[in-house]
Protein backbone atom coordinates (compact mmCIF):
# COMPACT_ATOMS: atom_id res chain seq x y z
CA MET A 1 16.36 0.48 5.43
CA PRO A 2 14.61 3.79 4.63
CA ARG A 3 15.68 5.65 1.53
CA PRO A 4 17.38 9.02 2.09
CA PRO A 5 15.05 11.97 1.48
CA THR A 6 15.16 13.49 -1.98
CA ALA A 7 16.34 17.07 -2.12
CA ILE A 8 13.53 19.43 -3.05
CA THR A 9 14.30 22.46 -5.22
CA THR A 10 12.26 25.37 -6.52
CA ARG A 11 11.81 23.43 -9.77
CA THR A 12 10.85 20.07 -8.27
CA TRP A 13 8.74 20.82 -5.18
CA MET A 14 5.48 20.50 -7.13
CA ASN A 15 6.40 16.90 -8.07
CA ALA A 16 6.39 15.87 -4.41
CA HIS A 17 3.32 14.18 -2.95
CA VAL A 18 1.64 14.95 0.35
CA ARG A 19 -0.42 12.54 2.47
CA VAL A 20 -3.85 13.99 3.33
CA LEU A 21 -5.65 12.77 6.44
CA ASN A 22 -9.33 13.27 7.14
CA ALA A 23 -10.35 15.18 10.27
CA THR A 24 -10.44 11.81 12.06
CA TYR A 25 -6.78 11.08 11.17
CA GLU A 26 -7.85 8.42 8.69
CA ASP A 27 -5.90 8.14 5.46
CA PHE A 28 -7.79 10.16 2.86
CA ASP A 29 -5.58 10.66 -0.20
CA LEU A 30 -2.15 11.35 -1.63
CA VAL A 31 -2.12 14.69 -3.48
CA PRO A 32 0.45 16.76 -5.38
CA ALA A 33 2.33 19.25 -3.20
CA ALA A 34 0.80 22.17 -5.08
CA ARG A 35 -2.73 21.02 -4.11
CA ALA A 36 -1.65 20.57 -0.49
CA VAL A 37 -0.27 24.12 -0.41
CA VAL A 38 -3.60 25.41 -1.77
CA LEU A 39 -5.46 23.56 1.01
CA LEU A 40 -3.16 25.16 3.59
CA VAL A 41 -3.46 28.68 2.12
CA GLU A 42 -7.26 28.42 2.02
CA ASP A 43 -7.29 27.29 5.69
CA LEU A 44 -8.88 23.95 4.84
CA ALA A 45 -6.07 21.93 6.39
CA LEU A 46 -3.14 22.13 8.78
CA THR A 47 0.37 20.73 8.55
CA LEU A 48 1.04 17.75 10.80
CA VAL A 49 4.47 16.78 9.48
CA GLU A 50 6.81 18.98 7.47
CA HIS A 51 8.90 17.68 4.61
CA SER A 52 12.43 16.76 5.56
CA PRO A 53 14.81 18.30 4.61
CA ARG A 54 12.87 21.50 5.20
CA PHE A 55 11.80 23.46 2.14
CA VAL A 56 9.74 26.65 2.15
CA VAL A 57 7.29 27.42 -0.67
CA ARG A 58 7.28 31.18 -1.20
CA SER A 59 5.06 33.63 -2.98
CA GLN A 60 5.02 37.42 -2.83
CA HIS A 61 3.03 37.48 0.44
CA VAL A 62 3.23 33.95 1.87
CA ALA A 63 5.93 31.52 2.95
CA ILE A 64 4.74 27.99 3.79
CA PRO A 65 6.97 25.09 4.82
CA LEU A 66 6.37 22.20 2.42
CA PRO A 67 4.26 19.59 4.25
CA ARG A 68 4.66 15.83 4.15
CA THR A 69 1.34 15.15 5.93
CA ILE A 70 -1.66 17.45 6.33
CA GLN A 71 -5.00 17.04 8.08
CA LEU A 72 -8.31 18.42 6.85
CA PHE A 73 -10.19 20.62 9.35
CA GLU A 74 -13.60 19.29 8.36
CA TYR A 75 -14.54 15.65 7.98
CA VAL A 76 -15.09 14.62 4.36
CA HIS A 77 -17.48 11.70 3.98
CA THR A 78 -16.12 8.93 1.82
CA PRO A 79 -18.28 6.10 0.53
CA PRO A 80 -17.53 2.78 2.20
CA ARG A 81 -15.07 0.63 0.32
CA PRO A 82 -16.23 -2.81 -0.71
CA THR A 83 -15.31 -5.49 1.79
CA ILE A 84 -12.55 -7.75 0.56
CA ASP A 85 -12.24 -11.09 2.27
CA ASP A 86 -10.46 -14.39 1.66
CA ASP A 87 -13.18 -15.51 -0.79
CA THR A 88 -13.00 -12.38 -2.95
CA ARG A 89 -11.66 -12.83 -6.48
CA ALA A 90 -7.97 -11.96 -6.67
CA SER A 91 -5.79 -10.83 -9.55
CA PHE A 92 -2.60 -12.67 -10.35
CA ALA A 93 -0.59 -9.44 -10.09
CA GLY A 94 -2.15 -8.79 -6.68
CA VAL A 95 -1.21 -12.27 -5.45
CA LEU A 96 2.40 -11.89 -6.60
CA ALA A 97 2.63 -8.51 -4.86
CA ARG A 98 0.98 -9.82 -1.67
CA ASP A 99 3.49 -12.69 -1.49
CA HIS A 100 6.43 -10.37 -2.38
CA TYR A 101 7.21 -12.60 -5.38
CA ARG A 102 8.29 -15.46 -3.07
CA CYS A 103 7.32 -19.05 -3.84
CA ALA A 104 4.85 -20.31 -1.23
CA TYR A 105 6.28 -23.85 -1.48
CA CYS A 106 10.08 -23.43 -1.52
CA GLY A 107 10.44 -19.77 -0.43
CA VAL A 108 12.66 -18.79 -3.36
CA ALA A 109 12.46 -15.13 -4.37
CA GLY A 110 11.47 -14.23 -7.92
CA ALA A 111 8.28 -16.26 -8.31
CA THR A 112 6.66 -15.49 -11.64
CA THR A 113 3.60 -17.76 -11.66
CA VAL A 114 0.53 -18.16 -9.49
CA ASP A 115 -0.66 -21.52 -8.23
CA HIS A 116 -4.12 -22.64 -7.18
CA VAL A 117 -3.73 -24.32 -3.78
CA TYR A 118 -6.87 -26.34 -4.46
CA PRO A 119 -6.61 -27.03 -8.23
CA ARG A 120 -9.04 -25.44 -10.68
CA SER A 121 -9.52 -28.88 -12.26
CA ARG A 122 -11.22 -29.88 -9.00
CA GLY A 123 -13.30 -26.73 -8.60
CA GLY A 124 -10.74 -24.40 -7.00
CA ASN A 125 -11.44 -20.72 -7.54
CA ASN A 126 -9.40 -17.54 -8.06
CA SER A 127 -9.85 -16.25 -4.50
CA TRP A 128 -7.22 -14.74 -2.20
CA SER A 129 -7.28 -17.84 -0.01
CA ASN A 130 -6.73 -20.23 -2.94
CA LEU A 131 -3.94 -18.46 -4.85
CA VAL A 132 -0.24 -18.23 -3.97
CA ALA A 133 2.88 -16.99 -5.73
CA CYS A 134 4.88 -19.92 -7.05
CA CYS A 135 8.11 -20.52 -8.93
CA LEU A 136 7.81 -22.34 -12.23
CA THR A 137 9.61 -25.44 -10.90
CA CYS A 138 7.23 -25.89 -7.94
CA ASN A 139 4.19 -25.08 -10.07
CA ASN A 140 5.12 -27.82 -12.54
CA ALA A 141 5.96 -30.30 -9.76
CA LYS A 142 2.68 -29.71 -7.92
CA SER A 143 0.65 -29.91 -11.13
CA ASP A 144 -3.07 -30.44 -10.41
CA GLN A 145 -2.65 -31.89 -6.92
CA THR A 146 -3.33 -30.46 -3.50
CA PRO A 147 -0.30 -29.57 -1.35
CA GLU A 148 -0.90 -32.71 0.75
CA GLU A 149 -1.08 -35.00 -2.28
CA SER A 150 2.09 -33.55 -3.81
CA GLY A 151 4.02 -33.54 -0.53
CA MET A 152 4.62 -29.80 -0.91
CA PRO A 153 3.26 -28.02 2.19
CA LEU A 154 2.62 -24.27 2.06
CA LEU A 155 5.10 -22.09 3.96
CA TRP A 156 2.28 -19.69 4.90
CA VAL A 157 -1.49 -19.54 4.78
CA PRO A 158 -2.73 -17.33 1.92
CA ARG A 159 -4.93 -14.48 3.14
CA THR A 160 -6.42 -11.25 1.86
CA PRO A 161 -3.89 -8.39 1.85
CA ARG A 162 -4.59 -5.74 4.46
CA THR A 163 -3.00 -2.76 2.69
CA ASP A 164 -5.44 -0.17 4.09
CA ARG A 165 -4.83 -1.32 7.65
CA LYS A 166 -1.05 -1.40 7.13
CA ARG A 167 -1.08 2.08 5.61
CA GLN A 168 -3.10 3.42 8.56
CA HIS A 169 -0.66 1.84 11.06
CA THR A 170 2.24 3.46 9.19
CA ILE A 171 0.49 6.83 9.42
CA TRP A 172 -0.06 6.42 13.18
CA ARG A 173 3.63 5.50 13.67
CA GLU A 174 4.76 8.53 11.69
CA LEU A 175 2.45 10.90 13.58
CA THR A 176 3.13 9.65 17.10
CA PRO A 177 6.28 11.73 17.72
CA HIS A 178 4.64 14.82 16.19
CA LEU A 179 1.39 14.89 18.17
């Protein structure tokens, strides 16, 4: 369920954040509202989605509705991000977040440990495909066995998180009614 929008006031509008899209509608950055207003005033960007509830930023000569999403007029080249795949080294915090702190063996919420699907004692690594969130009880029960040996099958297959792709899909969904 979406959270209700926070009321913006003359004292708090600069604390808001605005999503910036490149000229190609790709996610570019999240910037403070003050920076977004500067980009709009300098005609470097246009507002795609206004903040809701509506709030107008005023100066002596200008009144600009506070944006929620803006798009740059000119394409800004960004260096390619490193490719992350299932064999890339993962952090324990990243694994817990990817699995939403749910145990991959029993499904209980609140997992606090990370388990190596293929045990480190047998050459298992710290990759996205070999780590899962796990509750302490299941982690102790599985010990240094594979899921098959311990009789504890995985509830899902561990994969690399696709946060960039998910964020871009969210942006497209938000923009669809406005374009």
